Each structure stands twice: as C-alpha cells, then as structure tokens.
Amino acid sequence: AESHRPYELPPLSKGLLLGDADEPDWVREE
C-alpha cells in the first residue's frame, strides 16, 4: 500500500527520529 520500497521499522523511533539518519534501513537495495 505504501509508495516506499520495503523498509524496517526500528529506525523510525530511533536513528531516523533522532536525526542520526535520513533514510530507514531498507530491506534490500533499490
């Protein structure tokens, strides 16, 4: 349903939200 390719959820409340990353951990490369 989403427009983004598959990604992992943990960084959403950790590194991404902290500002340590600008992308999530993608399940596989593009």
PDB file of all heavy atoms in Angstrom:
ATOM      1  N   ALA A   1       0.815  -1.212   0.000  1.00  0.00           N
ATOM      2  CA  ALA A   1       0.000   0.000   0.000  1.00  0.00           C
ATOM      3  C   ALA A   1       0.852   1.266   0.000  1.00  0.00           C
ATOM      4  O   ALA A   1       0.443   2.302  -0.529  1.00  0.00           O
ATOM      5  CB  ALA A   1      -0.935  -0.007   1.209  1.00  0.00           C
ATOM      6  N   GLU A   2       2.061   1.217   0.593  1.00  0.00           N
ATOM      7  CA  GLU A   2       2.904   2.410   0.650  1.00  0.00           C
ATOM      8  C   GLU A   2       3.605   2.648  -0.682  1.00  0.00           C
ATOM      9  O   GLU A   2       3.747   1.742  -1.507  1.00  0.00           O
ATOM     10  CB  GLU A   2       3.947   2.258   1.761  1.00  0.00           C
ATOM     11  CG  GLU A   2       3.376   2.394   3.163  1.00  0.00           C
ATOM     12  CD  GLU A   2       4.476   2.617   4.180  1.00  0.00           C
ATOM     13  OE1 GLU A   2       5.197   3.630   4.067  1.00  0.00           O
ATOM     14  OE2 GLU A   2       4.607   1.779   5.084  1.00  0.00           O
ATOM     15  N   SER A   3       4.097   3.873  -0.846  1.00  0.00           N
ATOM     16  CA  SER A   3       4.826   4.223  -2.060  1.00  0.00           C
ATOM     17  C   SER A   3       6.321   3.938  -1.928  1.00  0.00           C
ATOM     18  O   SER A   3       7.033   3.913  -2.936  1.00  0.00           O
ATOM     19  CB  SER A   3       4.618   5.702  -2.396  1.00  0.00           C
ATOM     20  OG  SER A   3       5.077   6.525  -1.332  1.00  0.00           O
ATOM     21  N   HIS A   4       6.803   3.747  -0.700  1.00  0.00           N
ATOM     22  CA  HIS A   4       8.221   3.469  -0.475  1.00  0.00           C
ATOM     23  C   HIS A   4       8.498   1.981  -0.646  1.00  0.00           C
ATOM     24  O   HIS A   4       7.677   1.141  -0.287  1.00  0.00           O
ATOM     25  CB  HIS A   4       8.629   3.893   0.932  1.00  0.00           C
ATOM     26  CG  HIS A   4       8.355   5.325   1.244  1.00  0.00           C
ATOM     27  ND1 HIS A   4       9.069   6.367   0.681  1.00  0.00           N
ATOM     28  CD2 HIS A   4       7.433   5.903   2.059  1.00  0.00           C
ATOM     29  CE1 HIS A   4       8.604   7.518   1.136  1.00  0.00           C
ATOM     30  NE2 HIS A   4       7.613   7.265   1.975  1.00  0.00           N
ATOM     31  N   ARG A   5       9.701   1.676  -1.130  1.00  0.00           N
ATOM     32  CA  ARG A   5      10.077   0.266  -1.186  1.00  0.00           C
ATOM     33  C   ARG A   5      10.240  -0.262   0.242  1.00  0.00           C
ATOM     34  O   ARG A   5      10.356   0.518   1.195  1.00  0.00           O
ATOM     35  CB  ARG A   5      11.349   0.085  -2.001  1.00  0.00           C
ATOM     36  CG  ARG A   5      12.654   0.455  -1.337  1.00  0.00           C
ATOM     37  CD  ARG A   5      13.809   0.171  -2.291  1.00  0.00           C
ATOM     38  NE  ARG A   5      15.112   0.275  -1.665  1.00  0.00           N
ATOM     39  CZ  ARG A   5      15.840   1.369  -1.612  1.00  0.00           C
ATOM     40  NH1 ARG A   5      15.356   2.495  -2.136  1.00  0.00           N
ATOM     41  NH2 ARG A   5      17.036   1.378  -1.035  1.00  0.00           N
ATOM     42  N   PRO A   6      10.241  -1.576   0.434  1.00  0.00           N
ATOM     43  CA  PRO A   6      10.221  -2.144   1.792  1.00  0.00           C
ATOM     44  C   PRO A   6      11.353  -1.636   2.683  1.00  0.00           C
ATOM     45  O   PRO A   6      12.508  -1.575   2.261  1.00  0.00           O
ATOM     46  CB  PRO A   6      10.333  -3.643   1.530  1.00  0.00           C
ATOM     47  CG  PRO A   6       9.700  -3.835   0.181  1.00  0.00           C
ATOM     48  CD  PRO A   6      10.108  -2.615  -0.596  1.00  0.00           C
ATOM     49  N   TYR A   7      10.980  -1.281   3.911  1.00  0.00           N
ATOM     50  CA  TYR A   7      11.955  -0.796   4.886  1.00  0.00           C
ATOM     51  C   TYR A   7      11.643  -1.388   6.254  1.00  0.00           C
ATOM     52  O   TYR A   7      10.569  -1.922   6.498  1.00  0.00           O
ATOM     53  CB  TYR A   7      11.947   0.734   4.954  1.00  0.00           C
ATOM     54  CG  TYR A   7      10.604   1.354   5.288  1.00  0.00           C
ATOM     55  CD1 TYR A   7      10.203   1.563   6.610  1.00  0.00           C
ATOM     56  CD2 TYR A   7       9.725   1.751   4.278  1.00  0.00           C
ATOM     57  CE1 TYR A   7       8.982   2.138   6.910  1.00  0.00           C
ATOM     58  CE2 TYR A   7       8.508   2.327   4.567  1.00  0.00           C
ATOM     59  CZ  TYR A   7       8.133   2.511   5.891  1.00  0.00           C
ATOM     60  OH  TYR A   7       6.909   3.081   6.188  1.00  0.00           O
ATOM     61  N   GLU A   8      12.619  -1.274   7.155  1.00  0.00           N
ATOM     62  CA  GLU A   8      12.464  -1.797   8.511  1.00  0.00           C
ATOM     63  C   GLU A   8      11.976  -0.686   9.435  1.00  0.00           C
ATOM     64  O   GLU A   8      12.310   0.485   9.266  1.00  0.00           O
ATOM     65  CB  GLU A   8      13.789  -2.376   9.007  1.00  0.00           C
ATOM     66  CG  GLU A   8      14.309  -3.514   8.126  1.00  0.00           C
ATOM     67  CD  GLU A   8      15.558  -4.173   8.676  1.00  0.00           C
ATOM     68  OE1 GLU A   8      15.942  -3.863   9.825  1.00  0.00           O
ATOM     69  OE2 GLU A   8      16.145  -5.008   7.960  1.00  0.00           O
ATOM     70  N   LEU A   9      11.198  -1.085  10.448  1.00  0.00           N
ATOM     71  CA  LEU A   9      10.549  -0.097  11.312  1.00  0.00           C
ATOM     72  C   LEU A   9      11.403   0.435  12.463  1.00  0.00           C
ATOM     73  O   LEU A   9      11.222   1.591  12.861  1.00  0.00           O
ATOM     74  CB  LEU A   9       9.252  -0.686  11.888  1.00  0.00           C
ATOM     75  CG  LEU A   9       8.155  -1.035  10.882  1.00  0.00           C
ATOM     76  CD1 LEU A   9       6.904  -1.513  11.616  1.00  0.00           C
ATOM     77  CD2 LEU A   9       7.827   0.138   9.975  1.00  0.00           C
ATOM     78  N   PRO A  10      12.327  -0.338  13.068  1.00  0.00           N
ATOM     79  CA  PRO A  10      13.021   0.190  14.255  1.00  0.00           C
ATOM     80  C   PRO A  10      13.646   1.571  14.101  1.00  0.00           C
ATOM     81  O   PRO A  10      13.544   2.392  15.029  1.00  0.00           O
ATOM     82  CB  PRO A  10      14.074  -0.896  14.542  1.00  0.00           C
ATOM     83  CG  PRO A  10      13.416  -2.154  14.097  1.00  0.00           C
ATOM     84  CD  PRO A  10      12.670  -1.764  12.843  1.00  0.00           C
ATOM     85  N   PRO A  11      14.292   1.917  12.978  1.00  0.00           N
ATOM     86  CA  PRO A  11      14.893   3.261  12.901  1.00  0.00           C
ATOM     87  C   PRO A  11      13.886   4.406  12.966  1.00  0.00           C
ATOM     88  O   PRO A  11      14.274   5.547  13.239  1.00  0.00           O
ATOM     89  CB  PRO A  11      15.597   3.244  11.537  1.00  0.00           C
ATOM     90  CG  PRO A  11      15.858   1.806  11.246  1.00  0.00           C
ATOM     91  CD  PRO A  11      14.667   1.084  11.814  1.00  0.00           C
ATOM     92  N   LEU A  12      12.610   4.114  12.736  1.00  0.00           N
ATOM     93  CA  LEU A  12      11.622   5.185  12.726  1.00  0.00           C
ATOM     94  C   LEU A  12      11.504   5.851  14.091  1.00  0.00           C
ATOM     95  O   LEU A  12      11.215   7.043  14.182  1.00  0.00           O
ATOM     96  CB  LEU A  12      10.252   4.666  12.293  1.00  0.00           C
ATOM     97  CG  LEU A  12      10.166   3.925  10.956  1.00  0.00           C
ATOM     98  CD1 LEU A  12       8.715   3.709  10.577  1.00  0.00           C
ATOM     99  CD2 LEU A  12      10.919   4.663   9.854  1.00  0.00           C
ATOM    100  N   SER A  13      11.690   5.080  15.164  1.00  0.00           N
ATOM    101  CA  SER A  13      11.619   5.656  16.510  1.00  0.00           C
ATOM    102  C   SER A  13      12.998   5.785  17.142  1.00  0.00           C
ATOM    103  O   SER A  13      13.104   6.179  18.306  1.00  0.00           O
ATOM    104  CB  SER A  13      10.721   4.793  17.409  1.00  0.00           C
ATOM    105  OG  SER A  13      11.213   3.461  17.494  1.00  0.00           O
ATOM    106  N   LYS A  14      14.035   5.474  16.359  1.00  0.00           N
ATOM    107  CA  LYS A  14      15.409   5.539  16.879  1.00  0.00           C
ATOM    108  C   LYS A  14      16.230   6.503  16.020  1.00  0.00           C
ATOM    109  O   LYS A  14      16.062   7.712  16.109  1.00  0.00           O
ATOM    110  CB  LYS A  14      16.005   4.129  16.931  1.00  0.00           C
ATOM    111  CG  LYS A  14      15.220   3.158  17.825  1.00  0.00           C
ATOM    112  CD  LYS A  14      15.848   1.780  17.816  1.00  0.00           C
ATOM    113  CE  LYS A  14      15.147   0.816  18.758  1.00  0.00           C
ATOM    114  NZ  LYS A  14      13.794   0.446  18.299  1.00  0.00           N
ATOM    115  N   GLY A  15      17.122   5.963  15.180  1.00  0.00           N
ATOM    116  CA  GLY A  15      18.066   6.815  14.460  1.00  0.00           C
ATOM    117  C   GLY A  15      17.434   7.860  13.580  1.00  0.00           C
ATOM    118  O   GLY A  15      17.887   9.019  13.527  1.00  0.00           O
ATOM    119  N   LEU A  16      16.373   7.490  12.862  1.00  0.00           N
ATOM    120  CA  LEU A  16      15.735   8.445  11.961  1.00  0.00           C
ATOM    121  C   LEU A  16      15.096   9.586  12.747  1.00  0.00           C
ATOM    122  O   LEU A  16      15.237  10.764  12.397  1.00  0.00           O
ATOM    123  CB  LEU A  16      14.686   7.728  11.113  1.00  0.00           C
ATOM    124  CG  LEU A  16      14.231   8.452   9.853  1.00  0.00           C
ATOM    125  CD1 LEU A  16      15.327   8.429   8.794  1.00  0.00           C
ATOM    126  CD2 LEU A  16      12.976   7.805   9.287  1.00  0.00           C
ATOM    127  N   LEU A  17      14.394   9.262  13.814  1.00  0.00           N
ATOM    128  CA  LEU A  17      13.713  10.285  14.614  1.00  0.00           C
ATOM    129  C   LEU A  17      14.715  11.145  15.376  1.00  0.00           C
ATOM    130  O   LEU A  17      14.494  12.338  15.573  1.00  0.00           O
ATOM    131  CB  LEU A  17      12.731   9.615  15.577  1.00  0.00           C
ATOM    132  CG  LEU A  17      11.688  10.519  16.234  1.00  0.00           C
ATOM    133  CD1 LEU A  17      10.813  11.197  15.188  1.00  0.00           C
ATOM    134  CD2 LEU A  17      10.814   9.715  17.197  1.00  0.00           C
ATOM    135  N   LEU A  18      15.822  10.535  15.791  1.00  0.00           N
ATOM    136  CA  LEU A  18      16.855  11.286  16.485  1.00  0.00           C
ATOM    137  C   LEU A  18      17.556  12.281  15.564  1.00  0.00           C
ATOM    138  O   LEU A  18      18.130  13.274  16.023  1.00  0.00           O
ATOM    139  CB  LEU A  18      17.896  10.321  17.060  1.00  0.00           C
ATOM    140  CG  LEU A  18      17.478   9.514  18.289  1.00  0.00           C
ATOM    141  CD1 LEU A  18      18.427   8.344  18.497  1.00  0.00           C
ATOM    142  CD2 LEU A  18      17.453  10.401  19.529  1.00  0.00           C
ATOM    143  N   GLY A  19      17.527  12.011  14.264  1.00  0.00           N
ATOM    144  CA  GLY A  19      18.259  12.846  13.321  1.00  0.00           C
ATOM    145  C   GLY A  19      19.610  12.280  12.962  1.00  0.00           C
ATOM    146  O   GLY A  19      20.396  12.933  12.259  1.00  0.00           O
ATOM    147  N   ASP A  20      19.913  11.065  13.408  1.00  0.00           N
ATOM    148  CA  ASP A  20      21.192  10.426  13.093  1.00  0.00           C
ATOM    149  C   ASP A  20      21.196   9.827  11.684  1.00  0.00           C
ATOM    150  O   ASP A  20      22.245   9.428  11.182  1.00  0.00           O
ATOM    151  CB  ASP A  20      21.506   9.322  14.104  1.00  0.00           C
ATOM    152  CG  ASP A  20      21.723   9.868  15.502  1.00  0.00           C
ATOM    153  OD1 ASP A  20      22.053  11.066  15.618  1.00  0.00           O
ATOM    154  OD2 ASP A  20      21.561   9.102  16.479  1.00  0.00           O
ATOM    155  N   ALA A  21      20.034   9.695  11.073  1.00  0.00           N
ATOM    156  CA  ALA A  21      19.917   9.148   9.721  1.00  0.00           C
ATOM    157  C   ALA A  21      18.788   9.862   9.007  1.00  0.00           C
ATOM    158  O   ALA A  21      17.868  10.394   9.645  1.00  0.00           O
ATOM    159  CB  ALA A  21      19.645   7.637   9.774  1.00  0.00           C
ATOM    160  N   ASP A  22      18.854   9.884   7.697  1.00  0.00           N
ATOM    161  CA  ASP A  22      17.798  10.500   6.895  1.00  0.00           C
ATOM    162  C   ASP A  22      17.014   9.480   6.095  1.00  0.00           C
ATOM    163  O   ASP A  22      16.046   9.823   5.422  1.00  0.00           O
ATOM    164  CB  ASP A  22      18.389  11.551   5.944  1.00  0.00           C
ATOM    165  CG  ASP A  22      18.903  12.771   6.688  1.00  0.00           C
ATOM    166  OD1 ASP A  22      18.238  13.196   7.659  1.00  0.00           O
ATOM    167  OD2 ASP A  22      19.972  13.286   6.311  1.00  0.00           O
ATOM    168  N   GLU A  23      17.433   8.226   6.153  1.00  0.00           N
ATOM    169  CA  GLU A  23      16.720   7.139   5.495  1.00  0.00           C
ATOM    170  C   GLU A  23      16.572   5.994   6.481  1.00  0.00           C
ATOM    171  O   GLU A  23      17.390   5.841   7.398  1.00  0.00           O
ATOM    172  CB  GLU A  23      17.472   6.648   4.255  1.00  0.00           C
ATOM    173  CG  GLU A  23      17.531   7.637   3.114  1.00  0.00           C
ATOM    174  CD  GLU A  23      18.111   7.022   1.855  1.00  0.00           C
ATOM    175  OE1 GLU A  23      18.525   5.839   1.908  1.00  0.00           O
ATOM    176  OE2 GLU A  23      18.150   7.706   0.835  1.00  0.00           O
ATOM    177  N   PRO A  24      15.565   5.158   6.295  1.00  0.00           N
ATOM    178  CA  PRO A  24      15.433   3.980   7.146  1.00  0.00           C
ATOM    179  C   PRO A  24      16.422   2.909   6.704  1.00  0.00           C
ATOM    180  O   PRO A  24      17.204   3.105   5.758  1.00  0.00           O
ATOM    181  CB  PRO A  24      13.989   3.530   6.877  1.00  0.00           C
ATOM    182  CG  PRO A  24      13.769   3.908   5.449  1.00  0.00           C
ATOM    183  CD  PRO A  24      14.513   5.213   5.267  1.00  0.00           C
ATOM    184  N   ASP A  25      16.399   1.781   7.364  1.00  0.00           N
ATOM    185  CA  ASP A  25      17.129   0.610   6.882  1.00  0.00           C
ATOM    186  C   ASP A  25      16.244  -0.085   5.856  1.00  0.00           C
ATOM    187  O   ASP A  25      15.194  -0.636   6.201  1.00  0.00           O
ATOM    188  CB  ASP A  25      17.438  -0.348   8.040  1.00  0.00           C
ATOM    189  CG  ASP A  25      18.413   0.244   9.031  1.00  0.00           C
ATOM    190  OD1 ASP A  25      19.159   1.179   8.646  1.00  0.00           O
ATOM    191  OD2 ASP A  25      18.442  -0.204  10.189  1.00  0.00           O
ATOM    192  N   TRP A  26      16.650  -0.007   4.583  1.00  0.00           N
ATOM    193  CA  TRP A  26      15.887  -0.659   3.532  1.00  0.00           C
ATOM    194  C   TRP A  26      16.073  -2.167   3.629  1.00  0.00           C
ATOM    195  O   TRP A  26      17.168  -2.641   3.934  1.00  0.00           O
ATOM    196  CB  TRP A  26      16.321  -0.160   2.160  1.00  0.00           C
ATOM    197  CG  TRP A  26      16.246   1.321   2.003  1.00  0.00           C
ATOM    198  CD1 TRP A  26      17.283   2.203   1.994  1.00  0.00           C
ATOM    199  CD2 TRP A  26      15.048   2.111   1.847  1.00  0.00           C
ATOM    200  NE1 TRP A  26      16.823   3.487   1.835  1.00  0.00           N
ATOM    201  CE2 TRP A  26      15.459   3.462   1.737  1.00  0.00           C
ATOM    202  CE3 TRP A  26      13.689   1.801   1.782  1.00  0.00           C
ATOM    203  CZ2 TRP A  26      14.549   4.502   1.579  1.00  0.00           C
ATOM    204  CZ3 TRP A  26      12.788   2.840   1.614  1.00  0.00           C
ATOM    205  CH2 TRP A  26      13.208   4.162   1.508  1.00  0.00           C
ATOM    206  N   VAL A  27      15.017  -2.921   3.387  1.00  0.00           N
ATOM    207  CA  VAL A  27      15.125  -4.377   3.464  1.00  0.00           C
ATOM    208  C   VAL A  27      16.122  -4.886   2.426  1.00  0.00           C
ATOM    209  O   VAL A  27      16.947  -5.761   2.715  1.00  0.00           O
ATOM    210  CB  VAL A  27      13.747  -5.040   3.259  1.00  0.00           C
ATOM    211  CG1 VAL A  27      13.871  -6.561   3.287  1.00  0.00           C
ATOM    212  CG2 VAL A  27      12.771  -4.577   4.343  1.00  0.00           C
ATOM    213  N   ARG A  28      16.058  -4.345   1.224  1.00  0.00           N
ATOM    214  CA  ARG A  28      17.012  -4.684   0.168  1.00  0.00           C
ATOM    215  C   ARG A  28      17.332  -3.412  -0.611  1.00  0.00           C
ATOM    216  O   ARG A  28      16.579  -2.437  -0.581  1.00  0.00           O
ATOM    217  CB  ARG A  28      16.441  -5.736  -0.793  1.00  0.00           C
ATOM    218  CG  ARG A  28      16.109  -7.066  -0.129  1.00  0.00           C
ATOM    219  CD  ARG A  28      17.349  -7.886   0.134  1.00  0.00           C
ATOM    220  NE  ARG A  28      17.047  -9.113   0.862  1.00  0.00           N
ATOM    221  CZ  ARG A  28      17.783 -10.221   0.798  1.00  0.00           C
ATOM    222  NH1 ARG A  28      18.862 -10.248   0.036  1.00  0.00           N
ATOM    223  NH2 ARG A  28      17.466 -11.277   1.521  1.00  0.00           N
ATOM    224  N   GLU A  29      18.449  -3.439  -1.330  1.00  0.00           N
ATOM    225  CA  GLU A  29      18.829  -2.285  -2.122  1.00  0.00           C
ATOM    226  C   GLU A  29      17.785  -2.048  -3.216  1.00  0.00           C
ATOM    227  O   GLU A  29      17.004  -2.927  -3.576  1.00  0.00           O
ATOM    228  CB  GLU A  29      20.217  -2.464  -2.727  1.00  0.00           C
ATOM    229  CG  GLU A  29      20.368  -3.632  -3.670  1.00  0.00           C
ATOM    230  CD  GLU A  29      20.726  -4.935  -2.968  1.00  0.00           C
ATOM    231  OE1 GLU A  29      20.610  -5.012  -1.718  1.00  0.00           O
ATOM    232  OE2 GLU A  29      21.102  -5.888  -3.690  1.00  0.00           O
ATOM    233  N   GLU A  30      17.813  -0.845  -3.776  1.00  0.00           N
ATOM    234  CA  GLU A  30      16.729  -0.403  -4.641  1.00  0.00           C
ATOM    235  C   GLU A  30      16.495  -1.317  -5.843  1.00  0.00           C
ATOM    236  O   GLU A  30      15.363  -1.582  -6.226  1.00  0.00           O
ATOM    237  CB  GLU A  30      17.000   1.031  -5.114  1.00  0.00           C
ATOM    238  CG  GLU A  30      15.831   1.661  -5.837  1.00  0.00           C
ATOM    239  CD  GLU A  30      16.011   3.146  -6.036  1.00  0.00           C
ATOM    240  OE1 GLU A  30      17.089   3.673  -5.690  1.00  0.00           O
ATOM    241  OE2 GLU A  30      15.067   3.791  -6.535  1.00  0.00           O
TER     242      GLU A  30
END
